[in-house]
Protein backbone atom coordinates (compact mmCIF):
# COMPACT_ATOMS: atom_id res chain seq x y z
CA MET A 1 -26.18 -29.86 -2.47
CA PRO A 2 -28.79 -32.37 -1.23
CA SER A 3 -31.76 -30.98 0.65
CA ASP A 4 -31.67 -33.53 3.33
CA LEU A 5 -28.36 -33.07 5.10
CA SER A 6 -28.24 -36.44 6.83
CA THR A 7 -27.32 -37.68 3.36
CA LEU A 8 -24.01 -35.72 3.29
CA ASP A 9 -21.27 -38.45 4.00
CA LEU A 10 -19.11 -37.11 6.17
CA ALA A 11 -15.54 -38.49 5.56
CA THR A 12 -16.26 -36.79 1.95
CA LEU A 13 -16.56 -33.29 3.33
CA SER A 14 -13.57 -33.42 5.39
CA ALA A 15 -11.38 -34.72 2.17
CA ALA A 16 -13.06 -32.60 0.79
CA GLU A 17 -12.09 -29.15 3.17
CA SER A 18 -8.52 -30.98 3.47
CA ALA A 19 -7.93 -30.81 -0.16
CA ILE A 20 -8.91 -26.77 -0.88
CA LEU A 21 -7.07 -25.83 2.40
CA ALA A 22 -4.05 -27.68 0.81
CA ILE A 23 -4.50 -25.90 -1.87
CA LEU A 24 -4.87 -22.19 -0.74
CA ARG A 25 -2.28 -22.81 1.92
CA SER A 26 0.16 -23.58 -0.69
CA LYS A 27 -0.47 -20.89 -2.83
CA THR A 28 -0.18 -18.08 0.55
CA CYS A 29 3.39 -19.78 1.04
CA GLN A 30 4.02 -19.25 -2.86
CA TRP A 31 2.42 -15.62 -2.85
CA GLU A 32 4.46 -14.99 0.70
CA GLN A 33 7.83 -15.77 -1.26
CA ASP A 34 7.08 -14.35 -3.98
CA SER A 35 6.33 -11.58 -2.22
CA ALA A 36 9.52 -11.33 -0.59
CA ASP A 37 11.71 -12.08 -4.06
CA ALA A 38 9.81 -8.92 -5.43
CA ALA A 39 11.10 -6.73 -2.81
CA ALA A 40 14.33 -7.89 -2.71
CA ALA A 41 14.56 -7.12 -6.46
CA GLY A 42 13.55 -3.19 -6.03
CA ASN A 43 9.62 -4.28 -7.30
CA LEU A 44 7.76 -2.88 -4.67
CA SER A 45 4.50 -2.28 -6.18
CA ASN A 46 4.67 -5.88 -7.38
CA ALA A 47 5.17 -6.85 -3.88
CA VAL A 48 2.48 -5.26 -2.14
CA THR A 49 0.38 -6.65 -5.13
CA VAL A 50 1.24 -10.17 -4.28
CA GLN A 51 1.31 -9.30 -0.28
CA ASN A 52 -2.58 -8.58 -1.04
CA LEU A 53 -3.11 -12.18 -2.59
CA THR A 54 -1.48 -13.81 0.28
CA PHE A 55 -4.01 -11.85 2.47
CA ALA A 56 -6.75 -12.93 -0.02
CA ALA A 57 -6.10 -16.89 0.23
CA ASP A 58 -5.09 -16.41 3.54
CA LEU A 59 -8.69 -14.97 4.67
CA LEU A 60 -10.58 -17.38 2.38
CA SER A 61 -8.97 -20.40 4.18
CA THR A 62 -10.81 -19.31 7.12
CA ILE A 63 -13.81 -17.92 5.76
CA VAL A 64 -13.80 -22.05 3.72
CA SER A 65 -12.52 -23.73 7.07
CA THR A 66 -15.40 -22.01 9.01
CA GLN A 67 -18.35 -22.63 6.24
CA PHE A 68 -16.65 -26.28 5.69
CA SER A 69 -17.25 -27.03 9.81
CA ASP A 70 -20.72 -25.43 9.71
CA LEU A 71 -21.97 -27.45 7.02
CA PHE A 72 -20.35 -30.49 8.48
CA SER A 73 -22.31 -30.09 12.00
CA LYS A 74 -25.71 -29.74 10.23
CA ALA A 75 -25.09 -32.84 8.45
CA LEU A 76 -24.43 -34.35 12.32
CA THR A 77 -27.12 -32.68 13.73
CA ALA A 78 -29.35 -33.77 10.59
CA ARG A 79 -28.21 -36.96 11.06
CA PHE A 80 -27.57 -38.00 14.52
CA GLY A 81 -30.09 -35.23 15.96
CA ASP A 82 -28.80 -32.76 18.24
CA LEU A 83 -25.58 -33.94 20.10
CA THR A 84 -25.37 -31.30 22.57
CA ALA A 85 -25.96 -32.16 26.29
CA PRO A 86 -25.21 -29.61 29.20
CA HIS A 87 -23.02 -32.44 31.15
CA ARG A 88 -21.23 -33.18 27.97
CA SER A 89 -17.95 -31.84 26.45
CA THR A 90 -18.19 -30.77 22.62
CA ALA A 91 -14.72 -33.40 22.19
CA GLU A 92 -17.31 -36.26 23.49
CA GLN A 93 -19.85 -35.31 21.36
CA VAL A 94 -17.45 -35.14 18.39
CA VAL A 95 -15.91 -38.65 19.28
CA ASP A 96 -19.66 -39.74 19.70
CA ALA A 97 -20.31 -38.82 16.45
CA ILE A 98 -17.36 -39.90 15.02
CA ASP A 99 -17.65 -43.88 16.50
CA MET A 100 -21.24 -43.54 15.02
CA GLU A 101 -19.50 -42.61 11.50
CA VAL A 102 -17.46 -45.55 11.44
CA ALA A 103 -19.61 -47.85 12.70
CA ALA A 104 -21.76 -46.94 9.79
CA ALA A 105 -18.80 -47.48 6.97
CA GLN A 106 -17.78 -50.69 8.39
CA GLU A 107 -18.59 -53.73 6.44
CA ILE A 108 -20.43 -56.36 7.89
CA PRO A 109 -18.68 -60.02 8.29
CA GLU A 110 -21.02 -62.36 5.85
CA LEU A 111 -22.33 -65.17 7.81
CA VAL A 112 -21.26 -68.80 6.33
CA ALA A 113 -23.05 -71.85 6.84
CA ALA A 114 -21.30 -74.79 8.45
């Protein structure tokens, strides 16, 4: 991880979080179904084992989401300074940060001499 958090690409962080959480949620759904199938077939020991995997994957999803949010917040603070102010809501601060990120990512049109 870069020592200077302001160099982290926020869009990449967001995409990575989305991809990881989608995989974990997919596995959670698969294991929930596998557990139900095992229970229906009378394999209660297998059903409990798979249900434990489901619980662990769900817990891991929460941990991953929290850690990505913390890293995203640290990267924003490193890049733009402390955006918190007593008169501004969190939503306003996030919108401002996203506005700055989008503006920085947009291409500057080339000037054509006439």
